[in-house]
C-alpha cells in the first residue's frame, strides 16, 4: 500500500480531554482501554497525541474530543488542537499496518514547516482507520 501525504485545514479549535501521558509504546493500549471506560460512547472522536518530553522521551496521551458545550471532565488534561493547516497521511485498516504509523510520522516530522509546539496526532476516523497528522506553521 502506498501512502500519500495530503494537507487539510481545520477551521476551529478542537477541545480535547486527555489522560496523563503514558510510556510509549507500551502504555498505549492500556490508555485507550481506560479512555473507553470513561467515555463508552462509540461516536466519540478519539485521538492519540505524542511529542518529546524534556528528557527526549516520547510522551503519549489518549484523548477524546469534547462535544460542543460539554463540561471538561475533572481529572483529565485540557488540550486544544489549534485551527490551521495540517499535513497528514490516512492509514486504512491500521491494525494490520501498525508500522505505517511510525513511517508516516517520520516523514511528517521531517518537514521543515511543522509547528514546533504541535503534536504528532493520530485521529481515529473510524474503528479501522487512522489519520496521522501534524500542524504546519502559520
Foldseek 3Di string as FASTA:
>chain_A
DDKDKDKDWDPAKWKKWKAFWDAPPVCPVVQVVVVCVVPVDQPWKKKWWWDADPVRGITIIIITTDDVPDDHDPPTDIDIDGTAMKMKIKDFQCVVVVVVLVVGVVVQVVDPFFDPPWTQMWIPPHPRMTITITHGHD
